[in-house]
Amino acid sequence: MFLPQSCSVTSAQSAETVLSPAEAKKPPVFDVPLKPVTVNEGEKLSLRCHVCGSPPLKIQWMKDRKDLTSAGSTRISFSDGTACLEISPASRHDAGDYLCKATNDAGSEFSVYSWPANH
């Protein structure tokens, strides 16, 4: 998708405006969504997904609709399009619905996973 962008050129003889295409910002898209993982209580729960879109991308992790941050046993990272949430050790209190949300100036998208699947 292209949007017009103007450029003005002025010389001693004339002035004109030329339209040139500029690539539009691309909204985030999860090309690799969150996938099911098998983790037992006491092991490390690692959720990963990959997102593409125009930078800058902001990543937000949530559990049961509440924001998560890197603290205690929870680690959050985002590098080269890969968003990662690690909880070590995982316990039954970590069971719930996890959401990774990616946002940029063009929009937002999310990927959801419930752990464990039968909680």
PDB file of N, CA and C in Angstrom:
ATOM      1  N   MET A   1       0.846  -1.168   0.000  1.00  0.00           N
ATOM      2  CA  MET A   1       0.000   0.000   0.000  1.00  0.00           C
ATOM      3  C   MET A   1       0.890   1.230   0.000  1.00  0.00           C
ATOM      4  N   PHE A   2       0.589   2.166  -0.891  1.00  0.00           N
ATOM      5  CA  PHE A   2       1.376   3.381  -0.985  1.00  0.00           C
ATOM      6  C   PHE A   2       0.509   4.589  -0.719  1.00  0.00           C
ATOM      7  N   LEU A   3       1.073   5.561  -0.026  1.00  0.00           N
ATOM      8  CA  LEU A   3       0.405   6.823   0.238  1.00  0.00           C
ATOM      9  C   LEU A   3       1.183   7.922  -0.460  1.00  0.00           C
ATOM     10  N   PRO A   4       0.497   8.931  -1.016  1.00  0.00           N
ATOM     11  CA  PRO A   4       1.233  10.004  -1.665  1.00  0.00           C
ATOM     12  C   PRO A   4       1.976  10.846  -0.641  1.00  0.00           C
ATOM     13  N   GLN A   5       3.159  11.269  -1.040  1.00  0.00           N
ATOM     14  CA  GLN A   5       3.953  12.164  -0.220  1.00  0.00           C
ATOM     15  C   GLN A   5       4.433  13.263  -1.153  1.00  0.00           C
ATOM     16  N   SER A   6       4.328  14.496  -0.714  1.00  0.00           N
ATOM     17  CA  SER A   6       4.698  15.578  -1.614  1.00  0.00           C
ATOM     18  C   SER A   6       6.118  16.033  -1.358  1.00  0.00           C
ATOM     19  N   CYS A   7       6.713  16.545  -2.418  1.00  0.00           N
ATOM     20  CA  CYS A   7       8.058  17.076  -2.360  1.00  0.00           C
ATOM     21  C   CYS A   7       8.057  18.347  -3.201  1.00  0.00           C
ATOM     22  N   SER A   8       8.478  19.442  -2.629  1.00  0.00           N
ATOM     23  CA  SER A   8       8.491  20.712  -3.365  1.00  0.00           C
ATOM     24  C   SER A   8       9.876  20.979  -3.918  1.00  0.00           C
ATOM     25  N   VAL A   9       9.905  21.410  -5.171  1.00  0.00           N
ATOM     26  CA  VAL A   9      11.158  21.776  -5.829  1.00  0.00           C
ATOM     27  C   VAL A   9      11.025  23.218  -6.292  1.00  0.00           C
ATOM     28  N   THR A  10      11.976  24.050  -5.914  1.00  0.00           N
ATOM     29  CA  THR A  10      11.919  25.463  -6.289  1.00  0.00           C
ATOM     30  C   THR A  10      13.221  25.851  -6.969  1.00  0.00           C
ATOM     31  N   SER A  11      13.088  26.556  -8.079  1.00  0.00           N
ATOM     32  CA  SER A  11      14.265  27.109  -8.755  1.00  0.00           C
ATOM     33  C   SER A  11      13.954  28.551  -9.114  1.00  0.00           C
ATOM     34  N   ALA A  12      14.915  29.242  -9.690  1.00  0.00           N
ATOM     35  CA  ALA A  12      14.709  30.644 -10.065  1.00  0.00           C
ATOM     36  C   ALA A  12      13.635  30.769 -11.143  1.00  0.00           C
ATOM     37  N   GLN A  13      13.453  29.742 -11.982  1.00  0.00           N
ATOM     38  CA  GLN A  13      12.501  29.806 -13.078  1.00  0.00           C
ATOM     39  C   GLN A  13      11.099  29.354 -12.676  1.00  0.00           C
ATOM     40  N   SER A  14      10.982  28.355 -11.779  1.00  0.00           N
ATOM     41  CA  SER A  14       9.652  27.833 -11.467  1.00  0.00           C
ATOM     42  C   SER A  14       9.642  27.121 -10.119  1.00  0.00           C
ATOM     43  N   ALA A  15       8.438  26.835  -9.689  1.00  0.00           N
ATOM     44  CA  ALA A  15       8.251  26.040  -8.472  1.00  0.00           C
ATOM     45  C   ALA A  15       7.203  24.987  -8.780  1.00  0.00           C
ATOM     46  N   GLU A  16       7.454  23.754  -8.407  1.00  0.00           N
ATOM     47  CA  GLU A  16       6.467  22.701  -8.638  1.00  0.00           C
ATOM     48  C   GLU A  16       6.493  21.707  -7.487  1.00  0.00           C
ATOM     49  N   THR A  17       5.366  21.013  -7.329  1.00  0.00           N
ATOM     50  CA  THR A  17       5.242  19.990  -6.303  1.00  0.00           C
ATOM     51  C   THR A  17       5.093  18.650  -6.996  1.00  0.00           C
ATOM     52  N   VAL A  18       5.901  17.702  -6.595  1.00  0.00           N
ATOM     53  CA  VAL A  18       5.889  16.372  -7.185  1.00  0.00           C
ATOM     54  C   VAL A  18       5.430  15.386  -6.118  1.00  0.00           C
ATOM     55  N   LEU A  19       4.488  14.501  -6.486  1.00  0.00           N
ATOM     56  CA  LEU A  19       4.030  13.463  -5.562  1.00  0.00           C
ATOM     57  C   LEU A  19       4.868  12.209  -5.767  1.00  0.00           C
ATOM     58  N   SER A  20       5.351  11.643  -4.684  1.00  0.00           N
ATOM     59  CA  SER A  20       6.087  10.388  -4.773  1.00  0.00           C
ATOM     60  C   SER A  20       5.501   9.409  -3.755  1.00  0.00           C
ATOM     61  N   PRO A  21       5.459   8.117  -4.100  1.00  0.00           N
ATOM     62  CA  PRO A  21       4.881   7.146  -3.167  1.00  0.00           C
ATOM     63  C   PRO A  21       5.798   6.923  -1.964  1.00  0.00           C
ATOM     64  N   ALA A  22       5.195   6.739  -0.822  1.00  0.00           N
ATOM     65  CA  ALA A  22       5.928   6.387   0.401  1.00  0.00           C
ATOM     66  C   ALA A  22       5.257   5.148   0.982  1.00  0.00           C
ATOM     67  N   GLU A  23       6.031   4.186   1.375  1.00  0.00           N
ATOM     68  CA  GLU A  23       5.452   2.946   1.892  1.00  0.00           C
ATOM     69  C   GLU A  23       4.728   3.219   3.204  1.00  0.00           C
ATOM     70  N   ALA A  24       3.503   2.703   3.294  1.00  0.00           N
ATOM     71  CA  ALA A  24       2.702   2.878   4.510  1.00  0.00           C
ATOM     72  C   ALA A  24       3.258   2.000   5.623  1.00  0.00           C
ATOM     73  N   LYS A  25       3.006   2.404   6.851  1.00  0.00           N
ATOM     74  CA  LYS A  25       3.411   1.579   7.998  1.00  0.00           C
ATOM     75  C   LYS A  25       2.583   0.303   8.011  1.00  0.00           C
ATOM     76  N   LYS A  26       3.235  -0.805   8.356  1.00  0.00           N
ATOM     77  CA  LYS A  26       2.559  -2.101   8.394  1.00  0.00           C
ATOM     78  C   LYS A  26       2.171  -2.432   9.832  1.00  0.00           C
ATOM     79  N   PRO A  27       0.897  -2.803  10.056  1.00  0.00           N
ATOM     80  CA  PRO A  27       0.474  -3.182  11.410  1.00  0.00           C
ATOM     81  C   PRO A  27       1.139  -4.498  11.825  1.00  0.00           C
ATOM     82  N   PRO A  28       1.190  -4.771  13.121  1.00  0.00           N
ATOM     83  CA  PRO A  28       1.790  -6.022  13.588  1.00  0.00           C
ATOM     84  C   PRO A  28       0.995  -7.244  13.123  1.00  0.00           C
ATOM     85  N   VAL A  29       1.716  -8.312  12.809  1.00  0.00           N
ATOM     86  CA  VAL A  29       1.118  -9.596  12.436  1.00  0.00           C
ATOM     87  C   VAL A  29       1.954 -10.689  13.098  1.00  0.00           C
ATOM     88  N   PHE A  30       1.293 -11.623  13.786  1.00  0.00           N
ATOM     89  CA  PHE A  30       2.000 -12.752  14.375  1.00  0.00           C
ATOM     90  C   PHE A  30       2.172 -13.818  13.305  1.00  0.00           C
ATOM     91  N   ASP A  31       3.388 -13.919  12.730  1.00  0.00           N
ATOM     92  CA  ASP A  31       3.641 -14.954  11.735  1.00  0.00           C
ATOM     93  C   ASP A  31       3.927 -16.293  12.414  1.00  0.00           C
ATOM     94  N   VAL A  32       4.301 -16.274  13.683  1.00  0.00           N
ATOM     95  CA  VAL A  32       4.418 -17.483  14.500  1.00  0.00           C
ATOM     96  C   VAL A  32       3.677 -17.193  15.810  1.00  0.00           C
ATOM     97  N   PRO A  33       2.423 -17.680  15.930  1.00  0.00           N
ATOM     98  CA  PRO A  33       1.640 -17.416  17.147  1.00  0.00           C
ATOM     99  C   PRO A  33       2.124 -18.268  18.320  1.00  0.00           C
ATOM    100  N   LEU A  34       1.575 -17.993  19.495  1.00  0.00           N
ATOM    101  CA  LEU A  34       1.866 -18.822  20.667  1.00  0.00           C
ATOM    102  C   LEU A  34       1.434 -20.252  20.377  1.00  0.00           C
ATOM    103  N   LYS A  35       2.269 -21.221  20.760  1.00  0.00           N
ATOM    104  CA  LYS A  35       1.985 -22.630  20.485  1.00  0.00           C
ATOM    105  C   LYS A  35       1.847 -23.397  21.791  1.00  0.00           C
ATOM    106  N   PRO A  36       1.089 -24.506  21.766  1.00  0.00           N
ATOM    107  CA  PRO A  36       0.939 -25.335  22.967  1.00  0.00           C
ATOM    108  C   PRO A  36       2.294 -25.873  23.440  1.00  0.00           C
ATOM    109  N   VAL A  37       2.477 -25.879  24.752  1.00  0.00           N
ATOM    110  CA  VAL A  37       3.685 -26.439  25.352  1.00  0.00           C
ATOM    111  C   VAL A  37       3.272 -27.387  26.475  1.00  0.00           C
ATOM    112  N   THR A  38       4.095 -28.406  26.703  1.00  0.00           N
ATOM    113  CA  THR A  38       3.855 -29.334  27.802  1.00  0.00           C
ATOM    114  C   THR A  38       4.886 -29.046  28.882  1.00  0.00           C
ATOM    115  N   VAL A  39       4.408 -28.568  30.017  1.00  0.00           N
ATOM    116  CA  VAL A  39       5.282 -28.216  31.136  1.00  0.00           C
ATOM    117  C   VAL A  39       4.634 -28.731  32.412  1.00  0.00           C
ATOM    118  N   ASN A  40       5.415 -29.379  33.228  1.00  0.00           N
ATOM    119  CA  ASN A  40       4.928 -29.853  34.521  1.00  0.00           C
ATOM    120  C   ASN A  40       5.207 -28.808  35.591  1.00  0.00           C
ATOM    121  N   GLU A  41       4.438 -28.859  36.657  1.00  0.00           N
ATOM    122  CA  GLU A  41       4.655 -27.958  37.781  1.00  0.00           C
ATOM    123  C   GLU A  41       6.098 -28.101  38.265  1.00  0.00           C
ATOM    124  N   GLY A  42       6.753 -26.968  38.518  1.00  0.00           N
ATOM    125  CA  GLY A  42       8.147 -26.971  38.954  1.00  0.00           C
ATOM    126  C   GLY A  42       9.140 -26.789  37.826  1.00  0.00           C
ATOM    127  N   GLU A  43       8.698 -26.962  36.575  1.00  0.00           N
ATOM    128  CA  GLU A  43       9.563 -26.757  35.412  1.00  0.00           C
ATOM    129  C   GLU A  43       9.405 -25.329  34.895  1.00  0.00           C
ATOM    130  N   LYS A  44      10.222 -24.972  33.888  1.00  0.00           N
ATOM    131  CA  LYS A  44      10.142 -23.640  33.297  1.00  0.00           C
ATOM    132  C   LYS A  44       9.064 -23.604  32.218  1.00  0.00           C
ATOM    133  N   LEU A  45       8.135 -22.662  32.349  1.00  0.00           N
ATOM    134  CA  LEU A  45       7.126 -22.410  31.324  1.00  0.00           C
ATOM    135  C   LEU A  45       7.692 -21.342  30.400  1.00  0.00           C
ATOM    136  N   SER A  46       7.825 -21.664  29.117  1.00  0.00           N
ATOM    137  CA  SER A  46       8.387 -20.733  28.146  1.00  0.00           C
ATOM    138  C   SER A  46       7.408 -20.565  26.989  1.00  0.00           C
ATOM    139  N   LEU A  47       6.853 -19.369  26.846  1.00  0.00           N
ATOM    140  CA  LEU A  47       5.925 -19.061  25.755  1.00  0.00           C
ATOM    141  C   LEU A  47       6.623 -18.115  24.790  1.00  0.00           C
ATOM    142  N   ARG A  48       6.591 -18.452  23.499  1.00  0.00           N
ATOM    143  CA  ARG A  48       7.264 -17.644  22.478  1.00  0.00           C
ATOM    144  C   ARG A  48       6.346 -17.446  21.281  1.00  0.00           C
ATOM    145  N   CYS A  49       6.498 -16.284  20.667  1.00  0.00           N
ATOM    146  CA  CYS A  49       5.801 -16.003  19.420  1.00  0.00           C
ATOM    147  C   CYS A  49       6.657 -15.014  18.633  1.00  0.00           C
ATOM    148  N   HIS A  50       6.391 -14.894  17.337  1.00  0.00           N
ATOM    149  CA  HIS A  50       7.158 -13.988  16.485  1.00  0.00           C
ATOM    150  C   HIS A  50       6.199 -13.045  15.780  1.00  0.00           C
ATOM    151  N   VAL A  51       6.551 -11.766  15.793  1.00  0.00           N
ATOM    152  CA  VAL A  51       5.694 -10.736  15.208  1.00  0.00           C
ATOM    153  C   VAL A  51       6.485  -9.912  14.195  1.00  0.00           C
ATOM    154  N   CYS A  52       5.808  -9.544  13.095  1.00  0.00           N
ATOM    155  CA  CYS A  52       6.388  -8.642  12.097  1.00  0.00           C
ATOM    156  C   CYS A  52       5.523  -7.390  12.045  1.00  0.00           C
ATOM    157  N   GLY A  53       6.098  -6.308  11.571  1.00  0.00           N
ATOM    158  CA  GLY A  53       5.376  -5.050  11.440  1.00  0.00           C
ATOM    159  C   GLY A  53       6.363  -3.906  11.474  1.00  0.00           C
ATOM    160  N   SER A  54       5.884  -2.733  11.112  1.00  0.00           N
ATOM    161  CA  SER A  54       6.754  -1.561  11.105  1.00  0.00           C
ATOM    162  C   SER A  54       7.177  -1.194  12.525  1.00  0.00           C
ATOM    163  N   PRO A  55       8.455  -0.878  12.686  1.00  0.00           N
ATOM    164  CA  PRO A  55       8.911  -0.439  14.008  1.00  0.00           C
ATOM    165  C   PRO A  55       8.446   0.989  14.296  1.00  0.00           C
ATOM    166  N   PRO A  56       8.433   1.367  15.550  1.00  0.00           N
ATOM    167  CA  PRO A  56       8.754   0.538  16.708  1.00  0.00           C
ATOM    168  C   PRO A  56       7.555  -0.306  17.137  1.00  0.00           C
ATOM    169  N   LEU A  57       7.830  -1.543  17.523  1.00  0.00           N
ATOM    170  CA  LEU A  57       6.798  -2.443  18.033  1.00  0.00           C
ATOM    171  C   LEU A  57       6.851  -2.454  19.555  1.00  0.00           C
ATOM    172  N   LYS A  58       5.694  -2.343  20.186  1.00  0.00           N
ATOM    173  CA  LYS A  58       5.588  -2.426  21.644  1.00  0.00           C
ATOM    174  C   LYS A  58       4.936  -3.766  21.966  1.00  0.00           C
ATOM    175  N   ILE A  59       5.561  -4.528  22.854  1.00  0.00           N
ATOM    176  CA  ILE A  59       5.047  -5.838  23.241  1.00  0.00           C
ATOM    177  C   ILE A  59       4.518  -5.770  24.669  1.00  0.00           C
ATOM    178  N   GLN A  60       3.349  -6.349  24.869  1.00  0.00           N
ATOM    179  CA  GLN A  60       2.718  -6.373  26.189  1.00  0.00           C
ATOM    180  C   GLN A  60       2.243  -7.801  26.458  1.00  0.00           C
ATOM    181  N   TRP A  61       2.614  -8.347  27.610  1.00  0.00           N
ATOM    182  CA  TRP A  61       2.156  -9.671  28.029  1.00  0.00           C
ATOM    183  C   TRP A  61       1.108  -9.507  29.115  1.00  0.00           C
ATOM    184  N   MET A  62       0.074 -10.351  29.049  1.00  0.00           N
ATOM    185  CA  MET A  62      -0.978 -10.331  30.060  1.00  0.00           C
ATOM    186  C   MET A  62      -1.321 -11.765  30.461  1.00  0.00           C
ATOM    187  N   LYS A  63      -1.767 -11.915  31.714  1.00  0.00           N
ATOM    188  CA  LYS A  63      -2.299 -13.195  32.197  1.00  0.00           C
ATOM    189  C   LYS A  63      -3.649 -12.888  32.817  1.00  0.00           C
ATOM    190  N   ASP A  64      -4.672 -13.554  32.308  1.00  0.00           N
ATOM    191  CA  ASP A  64      -6.037 -13.337  32.792  1.00  0.00           C
ATOM    192  C   ASP A  64      -6.387 -11.844  32.808  1.00  0.00           C
ATOM    193  N   ARG A  65      -6.012 -11.155  31.728  1.00  0.00           N
ATOM    194  CA  ARG A  65      -6.311  -9.727  31.491  1.00  0.00           C
ATOM    195  C   ARG A  65      -5.571  -8.765  32.419  1.00  0.00           C
ATOM    196  N   LYS A  66      -4.506  -9.234  33.060  1.00  0.00           N
ATOM    197  CA  LYS A  66      -3.701  -8.370  33.924  1.00  0.00           C
ATOM    198  C   LYS A  66      -2.287  -8.297  33.362  1.00  0.00           C
ATOM    199  N   ASP A  67      -1.716  -7.076  33.332  1.00  0.00           N
ATOM    200  CA  ASP A  67      -0.364  -6.883  32.811  1.00  0.00           C
ATOM    201  C   ASP A  67       0.662  -7.694  33.587  1.00  0.00           C
ATOM    202  N   LEU A  68       1.635  -8.249  32.845  1.00  0.00           N
ATOM    203  CA  LEU A  68       2.763  -8.947  33.447  1.00  0.00           C
ATOM    204  C   LEU A  68       4.024  -8.109  33.249  1.00  0.00           C
ATOM    205  N   THR A  69       4.939  -8.189  34.186  1.00  0.00           N
ATOM    206  CA  THR A  69       6.233  -7.519  34.072  1.00  0.00           C
ATOM    207  C   THR A  69       7.324  -8.509  34.459  1.00  0.00           C
ATOM    208  N   SER A  70       8.559  -8.185  34.074  1.00  0.00           N
ATOM    209  CA  SER A  70       9.698  -8.998  34.495  1.00  0.00           C
ATOM    210  C   SER A  70       9.952  -8.736  35.969  1.00  0.00           C
ATOM    211  N   ALA A  71       9.619  -9.706  36.790  1.00  0.00           N
ATOM    212  CA  ALA A  71       9.835  -9.592  38.236  1.00  0.00           C
ATOM    213  C   ALA A  71       9.736 -10.979  38.847  1.00  0.00           C
ATOM    214  N   GLY A  72      10.521 -11.224  39.874  1.00  0.00           N
ATOM    215  CA  GLY A  72      10.472 -12.514  40.552  1.00  0.00           C
ATOM    216  C   GLY A  72      10.781 -13.656  39.604  1.00  0.00           C
ATOM    217  N   SER A  73       9.858 -14.602  39.489  1.00  0.00           N
ATOM    218  CA  SER A  73      10.075 -15.778  38.636  1.00  0.00           C
ATOM    219  C   SER A  73       9.671 -15.539  37.184  1.00  0.00           C
ATOM    220  N   THR A  74       9.217 -14.329  36.853  1.00  0.00           N
ATOM    221  CA  THR A  74       8.738 -14.012  35.502  1.00  0.00           C
ATOM    222  C   THR A  74       9.767 -13.182  34.741  1.00  0.00           C
ATOM    223  N   ARG A  75      10.121 -13.625  33.533  1.00  0.00           N
ATOM    224  CA  ARG A  75      11.053 -12.902  32.672  1.00  0.00           C
ATOM    225  C   ARG A  75      10.384 -12.651  31.324  1.00  0.00           C
ATOM    226  N   ILE A  76      10.454 -11.399  30.875  1.00  0.00           N
ATOM    227  CA  ILE A  76       9.875 -11.006  29.591  1.00  0.00           C
ATOM    228  C   ILE A  76      10.985 -10.432  28.730  1.00  0.00           C
ATOM    229  N   SER A  77      11.023 -10.855  27.457  1.00  0.00           N
ATOM    230  CA  SER A  77      12.024 -10.311  26.535  1.00  0.00           C
ATOM    231  C   SER A  77      11.416 -10.156  25.147  1.00  0.00           C
ATOM    232  N   PHE A  78      12.051  -9.284  24.344  1.00  0.00           N
ATOM    233  CA  PHE A  78      11.646  -9.083  22.950  1.00  0.00           C
ATOM    234  C   PHE A  78      12.897  -8.740  22.159  1.00  0.00           C
ATOM    235  N   SER A  79      13.249  -9.601  21.193  1.00  0.00           N
ATOM    236  CA  SER A  79      14.444  -9.402  20.395  1.00  0.00           C
ATOM    237  C   SER A  79      14.230  -9.955  18.995  1.00  0.00           C
ATOM    238  N   ASP A  80      14.581  -9.161  17.987  1.00  0.00           N
ATOM    239  CA  ASP A  80      14.475  -9.585  16.582  1.00  0.00           C
ATOM    240  C   ASP A  80      13.102 -10.146  16.238  1.00  0.00           C
ATOM    241  N   GLY A  81      12.052  -9.553  16.778  1.00  0.00           N
ATOM    242  CA  GLY A  81      10.690  -9.966  16.467  1.00  0.00           C
ATOM    243  C   GLY A  81      10.154 -11.099  17.321  1.00  0.00           C
ATOM    244  N   THR A  82      11.002 -11.716  18.153  1.00  0.00           N
ATOM    245  CA  THR A  82      10.559 -12.817  19.006  1.00  0.00           C
ATOM    246  C   THR A  82      10.239 -12.308  20.405  1.00  0.00           C
ATOM    247  N   ALA A  83       8.992 -12.500  20.806  1.00  0.00           N
ATOM    248  CA  ALA A  83       8.543 -12.135  22.152  1.00  0.00           C
ATOM    249  C   ALA A  83       8.561 -13.401  22.995  1.00  0.00           C
ATOM    250  N   CYS A  84       9.118 -13.301  24.197  1.00  0.00           N
ATOM    251  CA  CYS A  84       9.250 -14.476  25.058  1.00  0.00           C
ATOM    252  C   CYS A  84       8.810 -14.149  26.477  1.00  0.00           C
ATOM    253  N   LEU A  85       8.044 -15.055  27.050  1.00  0.00           N
ATOM    254  CA  LEU A  85       7.639 -14.990  28.453  1.00  0.00           C
ATOM    255  C   LEU A  85       8.100 -16.288  29.104  1.00  0.00           C
ATOM    256  N   GLU A  86       8.907 -16.181  30.167  1.00  0.00           N
ATOM    257  CA  GLU A  86       9.383 -17.358  30.885  1.00  0.00           C
ATOM    258  C   GLU A  86       9.009 -17.242  32.355  1.00  0.00           C
ATOM    259  N   ILE A  87       8.455 -18.329  32.886  1.00  0.00           N
ATOM    260  CA  ILE A  87       8.120 -18.409  34.307  1.00  0.00           C
ATOM    261  C   ILE A  87       8.818 -19.644  34.855  1.00  0.00           C
ATOM    262  N   SER A  88       9.709 -19.428  35.828  1.00  0.00           N
ATOM    263  CA  SER A  88      10.479 -20.541  36.368  1.00  0.00           C
ATOM    264  C   SER A  88      10.678 -20.364  37.865  1.00  0.00           C
ATOM    265  N   PRO A  89      10.217 -21.339  38.620  1.00  0.00           N
ATOM    266  CA  PRO A  89       9.476 -22.534  38.223  1.00  0.00           C
ATOM    267  C   PRO A  89       7.982 -22.227  38.089  1.00  0.00           C
ATOM    268  N   ALA A  90       7.322 -22.934  37.184  1.00  0.00           N
ATOM    269  CA  ALA A  90       5.876 -22.766  37.001  1.00  0.00           C
ATOM    270  C   ALA A  90       5.134 -23.524  38.101  1.00  0.00           C
ATOM    271  N   SER A  91       4.054 -22.928  38.571  1.00  0.00           N
ATOM    272  CA  SER A  91       3.233 -23.584  39.595  1.00  0.00           C
ATOM    273  C   SER A  91       1.772 -23.545  39.164  1.00  0.00           C
ATOM    274  N   ARG A  92       0.923 -24.206  39.913  1.00  0.00           N
ATOM    275  CA  ARG A  92      -0.506 -24.217  39.559  1.00  0.00           C
ATOM    276  C   ARG A  92      -1.097 -22.810  39.600  1.00  0.00           C
ATOM    277  N   HIS A  93      -0.477 -21.899  40.357  1.00  0.00           N
ATOM    278  CA  HIS A  93      -0.951 -20.510  40.410  1.00  0.00           C
ATOM    279  C   HIS A  93      -0.704 -19.770  39.093  1.00  0.00           C
ATOM    280  N   ASP A  94       0.163 -20.345  38.242  1.00  0.00           N
ATOM    281  CA  ASP A  94       0.456 -19.731  36.945  1.00  0.00           C
ATOM    282  C   ASP A  94      -0.523 -20.167  35.864  1.00  0.00           C
ATOM    283  N   ALA A  95      -1.432 -21.091  36.179  1.00  0.00           N
ATOM    284  CA  ALA A  95      -2.428 -21.530  35.201  1.00  0.00           C
ATOM    285  C   ALA A  95      -3.316 -20.349  34.834  1.00  0.00           C
ATOM    286  N   GLY A  96      -3.616 -20.219  33.543  1.00  0.00           N
ATOM    287  CA  GLY A  96      -4.486 -19.130  33.110  1.00  0.00           C
ATOM    288  C   GLY A  96      -4.376 -18.867  31.626  1.00  0.00           C
ATOM    289  N   ASP A  97      -5.001 -17.788  31.206  1.00  0.00           N
ATOM    290  CA  ASP A  97      -4.999 -17.381  29.804  1.00  0.00           C
ATOM    291  C   ASP A  97      -3.925 -16.317  29.602  1.00  0.00           C
ATOM    292  N   TYR A  98      -2.957 -16.625  28.735  1.00  0.00           N
ATOM    293  CA  TYR A  98      -1.849 -15.719  28.444  1.00  0.00           C
ATOM    294  C   TYR A  98      -2.076 -15.046  27.100  1.00  0.00           C
ATOM    295  N   LEU A  99      -1.749 -13.759  27.038  1.00  0.00           N
ATOM    296  CA  LEU A  99      -1.941 -12.981  25.821  1.00  0.00           C
ATOM    297  C   LEU A  99      -0.681 -12.170  25.562  1.00  0.00           C
ATOM    298  N   CYS A 100      -0.204 -12.229  24.324  1.00  0.00           N
ATOM    299  CA  CYS A 100       0.898 -11.383  23.883  1.00  0.00           C
ATOM    300  C   CYS A 100       0.304 -10.392  22.888  1.00  0.00           C
ATOM    301  N   LYS A 101       0.444  -9.102  23.175  1.00  0.00           N
ATOM    302  CA  LYS A 101      -0.114  -8.055  22.323  1.00  0.00           C
ATOM    303  C   LYS A 101       1.020  -7.231  21.729  1.00  0.00           C
ATOM    304  N   ALA A 102       0.973  -7.045  20.418  1.00  0.00           N
ATOM    305  CA  ALA A 102       1.956  -6.216  19.715  1.00  0.00           C
ATOM    306  C   ALA A 102       1.239  -4.985  19.175  1.00  0.00           C
ATOM    307  N   THR A 103       1.843  -3.817  19.375  1.00  0.00           N
ATOM    308  CA  THR A 103       1.237  -2.556  18.953  1.00  0.00           C
ATOM    309  C   THR A 103       2.288  -1.690  18.265  1.00  0.00           C
ATOM    310  N   ASN A 104       1.863  -0.997  17.207  1.00  0.00           N
ATOM    311  CA  ASN A 104       2.680   0.059  16.608  1.00  0.00           C
ATOM    312  C   ASN A 104       1.738   1.156  16.126  1.00  0.00           C
ATOM    313  N   ASP A 105       2.264   2.151  15.417  1.00  0.00           N
ATOM    314  CA  ASP A 105       1.440   3.279  14.965  1.00  0.00           C
ATOM    315  C   ASP A 105       0.348   2.863  13.983  1.00  0.00           C
ATOM    316  N   ALA A 106       0.482   1.678  13.362  1.00  0.00           N
ATOM    317  CA  ALA A 106      -0.481   1.236  12.355  1.00  0.00           C
ATOM    318  C   ALA A 106      -1.575   0.331  12.921  1.00  0.00           C
ATOM    319  N   GLY A 107      -1.439  -0.111  14.179  1.00  0.00           N
ATOM    320  CA  GLY A 107      -2.482  -0.964  14.748  1.00  0.00           C
ATOM    321  C   GLY A 107      -1.953  -1.878  15.833  1.00  0.00           C
ATOM    322  N   SER A 108      -2.745  -2.901  16.152  1.00  0.00           N
ATOM    323  CA  SER A 108      -2.331  -3.873  17.166  1.00  0.00           C
ATOM    324  C   SER A 108      -2.882  -5.249  16.811  1.00  0.00           C
ATOM    325  N   GLU A 109      -2.254  -6.265  17.367  1.00  0.00           N
ATOM    326  CA  GLU A 109      -2.628  -7.656  17.122  1.00  0.00           C
ATOM    327  C   GLU A 109      -2.259  -8.437  18.377  1.00  0.00           C
ATOM    328  N   PHE A 110      -2.918  -9.577  18.596  1.00  0.00           N
ATOM    329  CA  PHE A 110      -2.575 -10.376  19.762  1.00  0.00           C
ATOM    330  C   PHE A 110      -2.629 -11.858  19.455  1.00  0.00           C
ATOM    331  N   SER A 111      -1.923 -12.617  20.292  1.00  0.00           N
ATOM    332  CA  SER A 111      -1.907 -14.071  20.227  1.00  0.00           C
ATOM    333  C   SER A 111      -2.214 -14.564  21.639  1.00  0.00           C
ATOM    334  N   VAL A 112      -3.069 -15.592  21.753  1.00  0.00           N
ATOM    335  CA  VAL A 112      -3.545 -16.063  23.057  1.00  0.00           C
ATOM    336  C   VAL A 112      -3.221 -17.543  23.234  1.00  0.00           C
ATOM    337  N   TYR A 113      -2.922 -17.928  24.484  1.00  0.00           N
ATOM    338  CA  TYR A 113      -2.676 -19.329  24.820  1.00  0.00           C
ATOM    339  C   TYR A 113      -3.129 -19.587  26.253  1.00  0.00           C
ATOM    340  N   SER A 114      -3.798 -20.700  26.479  1.00  0.00           N
ATOM    341  CA  SER A 114      -4.222 -21.096  27.827  1.00  0.00           C
ATOM    342  C   SER A 114      -3.302 -22.189  28.337  1.00  0.00           C
ATOM    343  N   TRP A 115      -2.739 -21.997  29.552  1.00  0.00           N
ATOM    344  CA  TRP A 115      -1.866 -23.002  30.149  1.00  0.00           C
ATOM    345  C   TRP A 115      -2.356 -23.356  31.530  1.00  0.00           C
ATOM    346  N   PRO A 116      -2.392 -24.626  31.898  1.00  0.00           N
ATOM    347  CA  PRO A 116      -2.401 -25.738  30.944  1.00  0.00           C
ATOM    348  C   PRO A 116      -3.703 -25.736  30.162  1.00  0.00           C
ATOM    349  N   ALA A 117      -3.750 -26.536  29.120  1.00  0.00           N
ATOM    350  CA  ALA A 117      -4.917 -26.526  28.232  1.00  0.00           C
ATOM    351  C   ALA A 117      -6.201 -26.891  28.973  1.00  0.00           C
ATOM    352  N   ASN A 118      -6.099 -27.649  30.035  1.00  0.00           N
ATOM    353  CA  ASN A 118      -7.303 -28.106  30.753  1.00  0.00           C
ATOM    354  C   ASN A 118      -7.523 -27.363  32.071  1.00  0.00           C
ATOM    355  N   HIS A 119      -6.995 -26.143  32.243  1.00  0.00           N
ATOM    356  CA  HIS A 119      -7.136 -25.436  33.539  1.00  0.00           C
ATOM    357  C   HIS A 119      -8.551 -24.979  33.806  1.00  0.00           C
TER     358      HIS A 119
END
